[in-house]
């Protein structure tokens, strides 16, 4: 095989690999793409449904109050960043919570907050 033929074969393989990578990239990007809509109302309804499903998934997920990060704790009803930090600080100072009701010892968290979140609160996984 001449040097020219070897070079052509290598060049052909390189171009084929580049084409395959390009096609693979297109396939991956379109798999995660949002659908196109012919009017704004359908797009709006799609976004509402997507948000509703994400919210349902978040609310069904249990939160281990002895291991949860600030980000996980703020997903609870009535818990913002400062209360989440207070929960984490309480845990670090006094150890794990023994009961869900012990959350009331954290400043700013009362029985109503616990009741709103009771179905999601866990002490262990």
N, C-alpha and C. Protein backbone atom coordinates (compact mmCIF):
# COMPACT_ATOMS: atom_id res chain seq x y z
N UNK A 1 0.84 -1.17 0.00
CA UNK A 1 0.00 0.00 0.00
C UNK A 1 0.90 1.24 0.00
N UNK A 2 0.59 2.15 -0.86
CA UNK A 2 1.42 3.35 -0.97
C UNK A 2 1.13 4.30 0.19
N UNK A 3 2.02 5.24 0.40
CA UNK A 3 1.86 6.22 1.47
C UNK A 3 0.60 7.04 1.26
N UNK A 4 0.29 7.35 -0.02
CA UNK A 4 -0.90 8.12 -0.33
C UNK A 4 -2.17 7.36 0.06
N UNK A 5 -2.22 6.04 -0.23
CA UNK A 5 -3.38 5.23 0.10
C UNK A 5 -3.55 5.11 1.63
N UNK A 6 -2.41 4.95 2.33
CA UNK A 6 -2.50 4.90 3.80
C UNK A 6 -3.03 6.22 4.35
N UNK A 7 -2.53 7.32 3.82
CA UNK A 7 -2.99 8.64 4.27
C UNK A 7 -4.48 8.82 3.98
N UNK A 8 -4.93 8.38 2.81
CA UNK A 8 -6.35 8.49 2.45
C UNK A 8 -7.21 7.65 3.38
N UNK A 9 -6.73 6.45 3.71
CA UNK A 9 -7.49 5.58 4.62
C UNK A 9 -7.59 6.20 6.01
N UNK A 10 -6.49 6.74 6.50
CA UNK A 10 -6.49 7.38 7.83
C UNK A 10 -7.40 8.61 7.81
N UNK A 11 -7.31 9.37 6.74
CA UNK A 11 -8.14 10.56 6.60
C UNK A 11 -9.61 10.18 6.55
N UNK A 12 -9.95 9.12 5.83
CA UNK A 12 -11.32 8.64 5.73
C UNK A 12 -11.83 8.19 7.10
N UNK A 13 -11.01 7.45 7.85
CA UNK A 13 -11.39 7.01 9.19
C UNK A 13 -11.61 8.20 10.13
N UNK A 14 -10.72 9.18 10.06
CA UNK A 14 -10.84 10.36 10.91
C UNK A 14 -12.13 11.12 10.59
N UNK A 15 -12.42 11.29 9.31
CA UNK A 15 -13.65 11.98 8.91
C UNK A 15 -14.89 11.21 9.33
N UNK A 16 -14.84 9.88 9.22
CA UNK A 16 -15.97 9.05 9.64
C UNK A 16 -16.20 9.18 11.14
N UNK A 17 -15.13 9.16 11.93
CA UNK A 17 -15.25 9.31 13.38
C UNK A 17 -15.82 10.67 13.74
N UNK A 18 -15.38 11.70 13.04
CA UNK A 18 -15.89 13.05 13.28
C UNK A 18 -17.37 13.13 12.97
N UNK A 19 -17.79 12.53 11.86
CA UNK A 19 -19.21 12.50 11.49
C UNK A 19 -20.03 11.76 12.53
N UNK A 20 -19.54 10.62 12.99
CA UNK A 20 -20.26 9.86 14.01
C UNK A 20 -20.38 10.65 15.31
N UNK A 21 -19.32 11.33 15.70
CA UNK A 21 -19.36 12.15 16.92
C UNK A 21 -20.38 13.27 16.77
N UNK A 22 -20.43 13.88 15.60
CA UNK A 22 -21.38 14.95 15.33
C UNK A 22 -22.82 14.43 15.42
N UNK A 23 -23.09 13.30 14.79
CA UNK A 23 -24.43 12.70 14.81
C UNK A 23 -24.81 12.31 16.24
N UNK A 24 -23.88 11.72 16.98
CA UNK A 24 -24.14 11.33 18.37
C UNK A 24 -24.48 12.55 19.21
N UNK A 25 -23.76 13.64 18.98
CA UNK A 25 -24.02 14.88 19.72
C UNK A 25 -25.41 15.41 19.42
N UNK A 26 -25.83 15.36 18.16
CA UNK A 26 -27.18 15.81 17.78
C UNK A 26 -28.23 14.95 18.46
N UNK A 27 -28.04 13.65 18.46
CA UNK A 27 -29.00 12.74 19.09
C UNK A 27 -29.12 13.04 20.58
N UNK A 28 -28.01 13.21 21.26
CA UNK A 28 -28.05 13.50 22.69
C UNK A 28 -28.73 14.83 22.98
N UNK A 29 -28.45 15.83 22.20
CA UNK A 29 -29.03 17.15 22.45
C UNK A 29 -30.52 17.18 22.15
N UNK A 30 -30.98 16.45 21.16
CA UNK A 30 -32.41 16.46 20.86
C UNK A 30 -33.19 15.59 21.82
N UNK A 31 -32.54 14.63 22.47
CA UNK A 31 -33.24 13.77 23.42
C UNK A 31 -33.68 14.57 24.64
N UNK A 32 -32.93 15.61 25.00
CA UNK A 32 -33.26 16.43 26.17
C UNK A 32 -33.96 17.72 25.80
N UNK A 33 -34.20 17.94 24.53
CA UNK A 33 -34.81 19.19 24.08
C UNK A 33 -36.30 19.20 24.39
N UNK A 34 -36.81 20.39 24.69
CA UNK A 34 -38.24 20.56 24.91
C UNK A 34 -38.94 20.48 23.56
N UNK A 35 -40.17 20.01 23.55
CA UNK A 35 -40.89 19.93 22.28
C UNK A 35 -41.23 21.32 21.74
N UNK A 36 -41.46 21.41 20.45
CA UNK A 36 -41.89 22.66 19.82
C UNK A 36 -43.41 22.73 19.85
N UNK A 37 -43.93 23.93 19.96
CA UNK A 37 -45.38 24.11 20.02
C UNK A 37 -45.82 25.09 18.95
N UNK A 38 -47.06 24.87 18.46
CA UNK A 38 -47.56 25.75 17.41
C UNK A 38 -48.23 27.00 17.96
N UNK A 39 -48.49 27.04 19.29
CA UNK A 39 -49.01 28.28 19.87
C UNK A 39 -48.56 28.42 21.32
N UNK A 40 -48.64 29.61 21.82
CA UNK A 40 -48.14 29.93 23.15
C UNK A 40 -48.93 29.21 24.25
N UNK A 41 -50.22 29.01 24.06
CA UNK A 41 -51.04 28.36 25.10
C UNK A 41 -50.59 26.93 25.34
N UNK A 42 -50.28 26.20 24.27
CA UNK A 42 -49.80 24.83 24.44
C UNK A 42 -48.45 24.79 25.14
N UNK A 43 -47.60 25.73 24.80
CA UNK A 43 -46.29 25.81 25.46
C UNK A 43 -46.46 26.12 26.94
N UNK A 44 -47.35 27.05 27.25
CA UNK A 44 -47.63 27.41 28.64
C UNK A 44 -48.18 26.22 29.42
N UNK A 45 -49.13 25.50 28.84
CA UNK A 45 -49.70 24.33 29.49
C UNK A 45 -48.64 23.25 29.73
N UNK A 46 -47.74 23.08 28.76
CA UNK A 46 -46.65 22.12 28.91
C UNK A 46 -45.77 22.49 30.09
N UNK A 47 -45.39 23.77 30.18
CA UNK A 47 -44.54 24.22 31.29
C UNK A 47 -45.24 24.07 32.63
N UNK A 48 -46.54 24.37 32.68
CA UNK A 48 -47.29 24.19 33.93
C UNK A 48 -47.30 22.73 34.36
N UNK A 49 -47.55 21.83 33.42
CA UNK A 49 -47.57 20.40 33.73
C UNK A 49 -46.21 19.92 34.20
N UNK A 50 -45.15 20.38 33.54
CA UNK A 50 -43.79 20.00 33.92
C UNK A 50 -43.48 20.48 35.33
N UNK A 51 -43.85 21.72 35.65
CA UNK A 51 -43.63 22.26 36.99
C UNK A 51 -44.43 21.48 38.04
N UNK A 52 -45.67 21.12 37.70
CA UNK A 52 -46.51 20.36 38.62
C UNK A 52 -45.88 19.00 38.93
N UNK A 53 -45.37 18.32 37.91
CA UNK A 53 -44.74 17.02 38.11
C UNK A 53 -43.47 17.13 38.95
N UNK A 54 -42.69 18.17 38.71
CA UNK A 54 -41.47 18.38 39.51
C UNK A 54 -41.82 18.66 40.96
N UNK A 55 -42.86 19.46 41.19
CA UNK A 55 -43.30 19.77 42.56
C UNK A 55 -43.80 18.52 43.26
N UNK A 56 -44.58 17.70 42.56
CA UNK A 56 -45.07 16.45 43.15
C UNK A 56 -43.91 15.54 43.53
N UNK A 57 -42.92 15.45 42.68
CA UNK A 57 -41.76 14.60 42.97
C UNK A 57 -41.03 15.11 44.20
N UNK A 58 -40.88 16.44 44.29
CA UNK A 58 -40.20 17.03 45.45
C UNK A 58 -40.98 16.80 46.73
N UNK A 59 -42.31 16.93 46.68
CA UNK A 59 -43.10 16.80 47.90
C UNK A 59 -43.25 15.35 48.34
N UNK A 60 -43.07 14.41 47.44
CA UNK A 60 -43.18 13.00 47.81
C UNK A 60 -41.88 12.46 48.40
N UNK A 61 -40.80 13.15 48.15
CA UNK A 61 -39.51 12.69 48.61
C UNK A 61 -39.35 12.95 50.11
N UNK A 62 -38.95 11.94 50.85
CA UNK A 62 -38.73 12.10 52.29
C UNK A 62 -37.41 12.80 52.56
N UNK A 63 -37.36 13.53 53.67
CA UNK A 63 -36.16 14.26 54.07
C UNK A 63 -35.69 13.71 55.41
N UNK A 64 -34.47 13.21 55.45
CA UNK A 64 -33.87 12.74 56.69
C UNK A 64 -33.34 13.97 57.42
N UNK A 65 -34.01 14.39 58.49
CA UNK A 65 -33.62 15.64 59.16
C UNK A 65 -32.28 15.51 59.88
N UNK A 66 -31.79 14.31 60.07
CA UNK A 66 -30.48 14.11 60.70
C UNK A 66 -29.33 14.13 59.70
N UNK A 67 -29.62 14.10 58.41
CA UNK A 67 -28.57 14.06 57.39
C UNK A 67 -28.76 15.10 56.28
N UNK A 68 -29.91 15.75 56.24
CA UNK A 68 -30.25 16.63 55.12
C UNK A 68 -29.35 17.86 55.03
N UNK A 69 -29.06 18.25 53.81
CA UNK A 69 -28.31 19.47 53.56
C UNK A 69 -29.26 20.66 53.62
N UNK A 70 -28.70 21.84 53.58
CA UNK A 70 -29.53 23.05 53.58
C UNK A 70 -30.47 23.05 52.38
N UNK A 71 -29.96 22.65 51.23
CA UNK A 71 -30.78 22.61 50.02
C UNK A 71 -31.97 21.68 50.14
N UNK A 72 -31.77 20.54 50.78
CA UNK A 72 -32.87 19.60 50.98
C UNK A 72 -33.87 20.14 51.99
N UNK A 73 -33.37 20.76 53.05
CA UNK A 73 -34.26 21.27 54.09
C UNK A 73 -35.14 22.42 53.59
N UNK A 74 -34.62 23.26 52.70
CA UNK A 74 -35.44 24.37 52.20
C UNK A 74 -36.55 23.90 51.29
N UNK A 75 -36.54 22.64 50.88
CA UNK A 75 -37.65 22.13 50.07
C UNK A 75 -38.88 21.84 50.94
N UNK A 76 -38.73 21.89 52.26
CA UNK A 76 -39.86 21.69 53.17
C UNK A 76 -40.70 22.97 53.24
N UNK A 77 -41.99 22.81 53.50
CA UNK A 77 -42.90 23.96 53.62
C UNK A 77 -42.52 24.77 54.86
N UNK A 78 -42.37 26.08 54.67
CA UNK A 78 -42.10 26.97 55.78
C UNK A 78 -40.66 27.00 56.25
N UNK A 79 -39.77 26.33 55.54
CA UNK A 79 -38.36 26.30 55.91
C UNK A 79 -37.56 27.06 54.84
N UNK A 80 -37.00 28.18 55.26
CA UNK A 80 -36.13 28.95 54.37
C UNK A 80 -34.68 28.66 54.72
N UNK A 81 -33.82 29.42 54.13
CA UNK A 81 -32.39 29.21 54.31
C UNK A 81 -31.96 29.38 55.78
N UNK A 82 -32.47 30.40 56.46
CA UNK A 82 -32.03 30.63 57.84
C UNK A 82 -32.53 29.54 58.78
N UNK A 83 -33.75 29.05 58.59
CA UNK A 83 -34.25 27.96 59.43
C UNK A 83 -33.52 26.66 59.12
N UNK A 84 -33.20 26.43 57.86
CA UNK A 84 -32.43 25.24 57.49
C UNK A 84 -31.07 25.27 58.17
N UNK A 85 -30.43 26.42 58.15
CA UNK A 85 -29.14 26.56 58.82
C UNK A 85 -29.26 26.35 60.32
N UNK A 86 -30.38 26.83 60.90
CA UNK A 86 -30.61 26.63 62.33
C UNK A 86 -30.78 25.15 62.66
N UNK A 87 -31.45 24.40 61.80
CA UNK A 87 -31.62 22.96 62.01
C UNK A 87 -30.25 22.27 61.98
N UNK A 88 -29.44 22.62 61.00
CA UNK A 88 -28.11 22.02 60.87
C UNK A 88 -27.24 22.38 62.08
N UNK A 89 -27.31 23.63 62.54
CA UNK A 89 -26.55 24.06 63.70
C UNK A 89 -27.00 23.30 64.95
N UNK A 90 -28.30 23.15 65.13
CA UNK A 90 -28.84 22.40 66.27
C UNK A 90 -28.30 20.97 66.25
N UNK A 91 -28.34 20.35 65.08
CA UNK A 91 -27.83 18.98 64.92
C UNK A 91 -26.37 18.88 65.31
N UNK A 92 -25.59 19.86 64.87
CA UNK A 92 -24.16 19.85 65.17
C UNK A 92 -23.88 20.07 66.66
N UNK A 93 -24.71 20.87 67.30
CA UNK A 93 -24.50 21.17 68.73
C UNK A 93 -25.02 20.08 69.65
N UNK A 94 -26.18 19.50 69.31
CA UNK A 94 -26.85 18.58 70.23
C UNK A 94 -26.95 17.14 69.72
N UNK A 95 -26.49 16.88 68.52
CA UNK A 95 -26.57 15.54 67.96
C UNK A 95 -27.86 15.32 67.20
N UNK A 96 -28.04 14.09 66.75
CA UNK A 96 -29.21 13.75 65.94
C UNK A 96 -30.52 13.96 66.70
N UNK A 97 -31.56 14.27 65.92
CA UNK A 97 -32.90 14.36 66.48
C UNK A 97 -33.37 12.95 66.81
N UNK A 98 -33.97 12.80 67.97
CA UNK A 98 -34.50 11.49 68.38
C UNK A 98 -35.94 11.31 67.91
N UNK A 99 -36.69 12.44 67.84
CA UNK A 99 -38.07 12.43 67.36
C UNK A 99 -38.26 13.61 66.43
N UNK A 100 -39.27 13.53 65.59
CA UNK A 100 -39.59 14.64 64.69
C UNK A 100 -40.01 15.86 65.51
N UNK A 101 -40.71 15.64 66.62
CA UNK A 101 -41.18 16.74 67.45
C UNK A 101 -40.04 17.55 68.05
N UNK A 102 -38.86 16.96 68.15
CA UNK A 102 -37.70 17.65 68.69
C UNK A 102 -37.31 18.84 67.81
N UNK A 103 -37.78 18.87 66.58
CA UNK A 103 -37.54 20.02 65.70
C UNK A 103 -38.07 21.31 66.32
N UNK A 104 -39.09 21.22 67.18
CA UNK A 104 -39.64 22.40 67.83
C UNK A 104 -38.61 23.12 68.69
N UNK A 105 -37.55 22.46 69.08
CA UNK A 105 -36.50 23.08 69.88
C UNK A 105 -35.65 24.05 69.05
N UNK A 106 -35.77 23.96 67.73
CA UNK A 106 -35.05 24.86 66.85
C UNK A 106 -35.84 26.16 66.74
N UNK A 107 -35.15 27.28 66.97
CA UNK A 107 -35.83 28.57 66.95
C UNK A 107 -36.51 28.81 65.61
N UNK A 108 -37.80 29.20 65.69
CA UNK A 108 -38.56 29.51 64.49
C UNK A 108 -39.35 28.36 63.92
N UNK A 109 -39.22 27.18 64.51
CA UNK A 109 -39.97 26.02 64.02
C UNK A 109 -40.96 25.60 65.09
N UNK A 110 -42.22 25.61 64.71
CA UNK A 110 -43.27 25.25 65.65
C UNK A 110 -44.04 24.03 65.18
N UNK A 111 -45.08 23.69 65.95
CA UNK A 111 -45.87 22.50 65.62
C UNK A 111 -46.57 22.58 64.26
N UNK A 112 -46.95 23.78 63.83
CA UNK A 112 -47.63 23.91 62.53
C UNK A 112 -46.67 23.54 61.38
N UNK A 113 -45.44 23.99 61.49
CA UNK A 113 -44.45 23.66 60.45
C UNK A 113 -44.20 22.16 60.41
N UNK A 114 -44.12 21.56 61.58
CA UNK A 114 -43.90 20.11 61.64
C UNK A 114 -45.08 19.37 61.03
N UNK A 115 -46.30 19.79 61.35
CA UNK A 115 -47.49 19.12 60.81
C UNK A 115 -47.58 19.25 59.30
N UNK A 116 -47.23 20.41 58.76
CA UNK A 116 -47.27 20.61 57.31
C UNK A 116 -46.32 19.65 56.59
N UNK A 117 -45.24 19.28 57.27
CA UNK A 117 -44.19 18.48 56.65
C UNK A 117 -44.09 17.05 57.17
N UNK A 118 -44.97 16.68 58.09
CA UNK A 118 -44.84 15.40 58.78
C UNK A 118 -44.67 14.21 57.85
N UNK A 119 -45.40 14.18 56.75
CA UNK A 119 -45.32 13.02 55.84
C UNK A 119 -43.96 12.90 55.16
N UNK A 120 -43.21 13.99 55.12
CA UNK A 120 -41.90 13.97 54.45
C UNK A 120 -40.73 13.85 55.41
N UNK A 121 -40.95 14.09 56.70
CA UNK A 121 -39.86 14.09 57.67
C UNK A 121 -39.47 12.67 58.06
N UNK A 122 -38.18 12.41 58.02
CA UNK A 122 -37.63 11.10 58.39
C UNK A 122 -36.51 11.31 59.40
N UNK A 123 -36.30 10.31 60.26
CA UNK A 123 -35.19 10.35 61.19
C UNK A 123 -34.01 9.51 60.69
N UNK A 124 -34.29 8.57 59.84
CA UNK A 124 -33.27 7.71 59.24
C UNK A 124 -33.78 7.21 57.91
N UNK A 125 -32.90 6.66 57.10
CA UNK A 125 -33.29 6.19 55.77
C UNK A 125 -33.39 4.70 55.73
